[in-house]
Each structure stands twice: as C-alpha cells, then as structure tokens.
Amino acid sequence: MSAVGYWAHEMLDGGEPYGDYQSMGLSNRQYDILRQVVEAARAAKRTQGVRAAEELIGRQAREACAEGYRDGGPSHGPWRS
C-alpha cells in the first residue's frame, strides 16, 4: 500500500496524522493528494458505507499518484534541475 493510501485509511478511521506531511513521509504533492482522497472517502462513507470508501481510497490514491508523478519527479521548485 502506498503512503498516501495508508494515511487515507488511518484518517478515514478517525485517526489524526502526526506532525506535518514530512513527518508522515509524504511530499507536498502527496499530501495534497491525501487531502483530496480523504475528503472524497469521507463523503463516500457517509452515503455508501465503509467498504465503498475504502475501495475509493485505493482507486483514487493510485490514480492520482500515477497522474501526479507520470513525469517522474517534481514539476517546479528549487530542486528541479
């Protein structure tokens, strides 16, 4: 399971992340994806139940990370060569 998926499941179950996104082992981009996935999963949980929310997490985290990293790395910032 990806770090985004792991934290999304933790947060869906009511857990709170500790520290900031870096202490969670996430990049800023991954943290943005996490927030979007958790928001969608919570809505799905309310309307469709836990199983649908968990399936959504797996699917949406995988798709969003693949899309966000299809170029292989950061798209901007001082670390870009």
N, C-alpha and C. Protein backbone atom coordinates (compact mmCIF):
# COMPACT_ATOMS: atom_id res chain seq x y z
N MET A 1 0.85 -1.18 0.00
CA MET A 1 0.00 0.00 0.00
C MET A 1 0.90 1.24 0.00
N SER A 2 0.50 2.24 -0.72
CA SER A 2 1.26 3.48 -0.78
C SER A 2 1.11 4.25 0.53
N ALA A 3 2.03 5.18 0.75
CA ALA A 3 1.94 6.03 1.94
C ALA A 3 0.65 6.85 1.92
N VAL A 4 0.25 7.31 0.75
CA VAL A 4 -1.00 8.08 0.63
C VAL A 4 -2.17 7.19 1.03
N GLY A 5 -2.21 5.98 0.52
CA GLY A 5 -3.29 5.05 0.87
C GLY A 5 -3.31 4.72 2.35
N TYR A 6 -2.13 4.49 2.91
CA TYR A 6 -2.03 4.18 4.33
C TYR A 6 -2.64 5.31 5.17
N TRP A 7 -2.18 6.53 4.93
CA TRP A 7 -2.68 7.66 5.73
C TRP A 7 -4.15 7.94 5.46
N ALA A 8 -4.60 7.72 4.25
CA ALA A 8 -6.02 7.92 3.95
C ALA A 8 -6.88 6.97 4.76
N HIS A 9 -6.47 5.70 4.85
CA HIS A 9 -7.22 4.74 5.67
C HIS A 9 -7.17 5.14 7.15
N GLU A 10 -6.02 5.55 7.61
CA GLU A 10 -5.90 5.98 9.01
C GLU A 10 -6.83 7.16 9.30
N MET A 11 -6.84 8.13 8.42
CA MET A 11 -7.66 9.33 8.64
C MET A 11 -9.14 9.03 8.47
N LEU A 12 -9.50 8.13 7.57
CA LEU A 12 -10.90 7.75 7.40
C LEU A 12 -11.43 7.11 8.68
N ASP A 13 -10.58 6.33 9.34
CA ASP A 13 -10.97 5.65 10.57
C ASP A 13 -10.94 6.56 11.79
N GLY A 14 -10.70 7.84 11.57
CA GLY A 14 -10.74 8.80 12.66
C GLY A 14 -9.39 9.15 13.24
N GLY A 15 -8.34 8.53 12.73
CA GLY A 15 -7.00 8.85 13.20
C GLY A 15 -6.58 10.22 12.71
N GLU A 16 -5.71 10.82 13.46
CA GLU A 16 -5.17 12.12 13.07
C GLU A 16 -3.70 11.95 12.73
N PRO A 17 -3.28 12.55 11.64
CA PRO A 17 -1.85 12.46 11.30
C PRO A 17 -1.02 13.16 12.35
N TYR A 18 0.19 12.69 12.53
CA TYR A 18 1.07 13.35 13.49
C TYR A 18 1.99 14.29 12.74
N GLY A 19 2.25 15.43 13.33
CA GLY A 19 3.17 16.37 12.72
C GLY A 19 2.68 16.90 11.39
N ASP A 20 3.64 17.20 10.54
CA ASP A 20 3.31 17.72 9.23
C ASP A 20 3.47 16.62 8.18
N TYR A 21 3.26 16.98 6.93
CA TYR A 21 3.30 15.98 5.87
C TYR A 21 4.66 15.31 5.77
N GLN A 22 5.73 16.02 6.08
CA GLN A 22 7.06 15.42 6.00
C GLN A 22 7.25 14.35 7.07
N SER A 23 6.72 14.57 8.25
CA SER A 23 6.83 13.56 9.30
C SER A 23 5.97 12.34 8.99
N MET A 24 5.01 12.50 8.09
CA MET A 24 4.19 11.38 7.63
C MET A 24 4.88 10.63 6.49
N GLY A 25 6.02 11.15 6.04
CA GLY A 25 6.75 10.51 4.95
C GLY A 25 6.20 10.87 3.58
N LEU A 26 5.51 12.01 3.48
CA LEU A 26 4.88 12.42 2.23
C LEU A 26 5.54 13.68 1.68
N SER A 27 5.47 13.81 0.38
CA SER A 27 5.86 15.06 -0.25
C SER A 27 4.67 16.01 -0.19
N ASN A 28 4.90 17.26 -0.51
CA ASN A 28 3.81 18.22 -0.54
C ASN A 28 2.74 17.78 -1.54
N ARG A 29 3.17 17.30 -2.69
CA ARG A 29 2.23 16.84 -3.72
C ARG A 29 1.42 15.65 -3.21
N GLN A 30 2.07 14.71 -2.54
CA GLN A 30 1.36 13.56 -2.00
C GLN A 30 0.36 13.99 -0.92
N TYR A 31 0.74 14.99 -0.13
CA TYR A 31 -0.17 15.47 0.91
C TYR A 31 -1.40 16.12 0.30
N ASP A 32 -1.23 16.86 -0.78
CA ASP A 32 -2.39 17.43 -1.49
C ASP A 32 -3.31 16.32 -1.98
N ILE A 33 -2.71 15.26 -2.53
CA ILE A 33 -3.50 14.11 -3.00
C ILE A 33 -4.22 13.48 -1.81
N LEU A 34 -3.51 13.30 -0.70
CA LEU A 34 -4.11 12.71 0.50
C LEU A 34 -5.34 13.47 0.94
N ARG A 35 -5.25 14.79 1.01
CA ARG A 35 -6.40 15.59 1.45
C ARG A 35 -7.59 15.41 0.52
N GLN A 36 -7.35 15.36 -0.77
CA GLN A 36 -8.44 15.16 -1.74
C GLN A 36 -9.06 13.77 -1.60
N VAL A 37 -8.21 12.77 -1.44
CA VAL A 37 -8.70 11.39 -1.30
C VAL A 37 -9.52 11.23 -0.03
N VAL A 38 -9.04 11.79 1.08
CA VAL A 38 -9.76 11.67 2.36
C VAL A 38 -11.11 12.38 2.29
N GLU A 39 -11.13 13.54 1.68
CA GLU A 39 -12.40 14.27 1.54
C GLU A 39 -13.41 13.45 0.75
N ALA A 40 -12.98 12.88 -0.36
CA ALA A 40 -13.88 12.06 -1.19
C ALA A 40 -14.30 10.79 -0.45
N ALA A 41 -13.36 10.18 0.28
CA ALA A 41 -13.66 8.94 1.01
C ALA A 41 -14.66 9.19 2.14
N ARG A 42 -14.52 10.30 2.82
CA ARG A 42 -15.47 10.61 3.90
C ARG A 42 -16.87 10.82 3.34
N ALA A 43 -16.96 11.47 2.20
CA ALA A 43 -18.27 11.66 1.56
C ALA A 43 -18.84 10.31 1.14
N ALA A 44 -18.01 9.45 0.57
CA ALA A 44 -18.47 8.12 0.17
C ALA A 44 -18.90 7.29 1.38
N LYS A 45 -18.18 7.41 2.47
CA LYS A 45 -18.53 6.68 3.69
C LYS A 45 -19.91 7.09 4.19
N ARG A 46 -20.19 8.39 4.15
CA ARG A 46 -21.50 8.88 4.61
C ARG A 46 -22.64 8.37 3.74
N THR A 47 -22.42 8.33 2.45
CA THR A 47 -23.51 7.99 1.53
C THR A 47 -23.56 6.53 1.11
N GLN A 48 -22.38 5.86 1.11
CA GLN A 48 -22.33 4.50 0.56
C GLN A 48 -21.76 3.46 1.51
N GLY A 49 -21.20 3.91 2.62
CA GLY A 49 -20.66 2.97 3.59
C GLY A 49 -19.15 2.85 3.55
N VAL A 50 -18.63 2.12 4.54
CA VAL A 50 -17.19 1.98 4.74
C VAL A 50 -16.52 1.26 3.57
N ARG A 51 -17.12 0.19 3.12
CA ARG A 51 -16.50 -0.59 2.04
C ARG A 51 -16.29 0.26 0.78
N ALA A 52 -17.29 1.04 0.41
CA ALA A 52 -17.18 1.90 -0.77
C ALA A 52 -16.08 2.95 -0.56
N ALA A 53 -15.98 3.48 0.65
CA ALA A 53 -14.96 4.48 0.95
C ALA A 53 -13.57 3.88 0.85
N GLU A 54 -13.40 2.67 1.37
CA GLU A 54 -12.09 2.02 1.31
C GLU A 54 -11.70 1.69 -0.12
N GLU A 55 -12.65 1.25 -0.92
CA GLU A 55 -12.37 0.98 -2.34
C GLU A 55 -12.00 2.27 -3.07
N LEU A 56 -12.70 3.34 -2.74
CA LEU A 56 -12.40 4.64 -3.35
C LEU A 56 -10.99 5.08 -3.01
N ILE A 57 -10.57 4.88 -1.77
CA ILE A 57 -9.21 5.26 -1.37
C ILE A 57 -8.18 4.55 -2.25
N GLY A 58 -8.31 3.25 -2.38
CA GLY A 58 -7.35 2.50 -3.19
C GLY A 58 -7.30 2.98 -4.61
N ARG A 59 -8.45 3.14 -5.20
CA ARG A 59 -8.54 3.55 -6.60
C ARG A 59 -8.07 4.98 -6.80
N GLN A 60 -8.60 5.91 -6.02
CA GLN A 60 -8.29 7.31 -6.23
C GLN A 60 -6.84 7.64 -5.86
N ALA A 61 -6.31 7.05 -4.81
CA ALA A 61 -4.91 7.30 -4.44
C ALA A 61 -3.98 6.80 -5.54
N ARG A 62 -4.24 5.60 -6.03
CA ARG A 62 -3.41 5.02 -7.09
C ARG A 62 -3.45 5.88 -8.35
N GLU A 63 -4.66 6.27 -8.77
CA GLU A 63 -4.81 7.06 -9.99
C GLU A 63 -4.20 8.46 -9.84
N ALA A 64 -4.45 9.11 -8.71
CA ALA A 64 -3.95 10.46 -8.50
C ALA A 64 -2.43 10.48 -8.41
N CYS A 65 -1.85 9.49 -7.74
CA CYS A 65 -0.39 9.44 -7.65
C CYS A 65 0.23 9.13 -9.01
N ALA A 66 -0.38 8.23 -9.76
CA ALA A 66 0.13 7.93 -11.10
C ALA A 66 0.07 9.17 -11.98
N GLU A 67 -1.01 9.90 -11.91
CA GLU A 67 -1.16 11.11 -12.71
C GLU A 67 -0.19 12.19 -12.24
N GLY A 68 -0.09 12.38 -10.94
CA GLY A 68 0.76 13.43 -10.40
C GLY A 68 2.24 13.19 -10.61
N TYR A 69 2.63 11.93 -10.78
CA TYR A 69 4.04 11.59 -10.93
C TYR A 69 4.36 10.96 -12.27
N ARG A 70 3.50 11.12 -13.24
CA ARG A 70 3.75 10.49 -14.54
C ARG A 70 5.01 11.03 -15.22
N ASP A 71 5.41 12.27 -14.86
CA ASP A 71 6.63 12.83 -15.42
C ASP A 71 7.87 12.40 -14.63
N GLY A 72 7.67 11.69 -13.53
CA GLY A 72 8.78 11.13 -12.79
C GLY A 72 9.34 11.96 -11.66
N GLY A 73 8.93 13.20 -11.50
CA GLY A 73 9.50 13.99 -10.42
C GLY A 73 8.81 15.31 -10.22
N PRO A 74 9.40 16.15 -9.39
CA PRO A 74 8.81 17.45 -9.10
C PRO A 74 8.67 18.29 -10.37
N SER A 75 7.60 19.03 -10.45
CA SER A 75 7.36 19.83 -11.65
C SER A 75 7.88 21.25 -11.53
N HIS A 76 8.17 21.68 -10.31
CA HIS A 76 8.69 23.03 -10.10
C HIS A 76 9.37 23.11 -8.75
N GLY A 77 10.13 24.15 -8.56
CA GLY A 77 10.78 24.36 -7.28
C GLY A 77 12.30 24.39 -7.42
N PRO A 78 12.98 24.74 -6.36
CA PRO A 78 14.44 24.89 -6.40
C PRO A 78 15.19 23.58 -6.63
N TRP A 79 14.56 22.44 -6.37
CA TRP A 79 15.20 21.13 -6.52
C TRP A 79 15.20 20.66 -7.97
N ARG A 80 14.49 21.33 -8.84
CA ARG A 80 14.39 20.91 -10.24
C ARG A 80 15.69 21.25 -10.96
N SER A 81 16.20 20.31 -11.72
CA SER A 81 17.46 20.56 -12.44
C SER A 81 17.21 21.13 -13.82
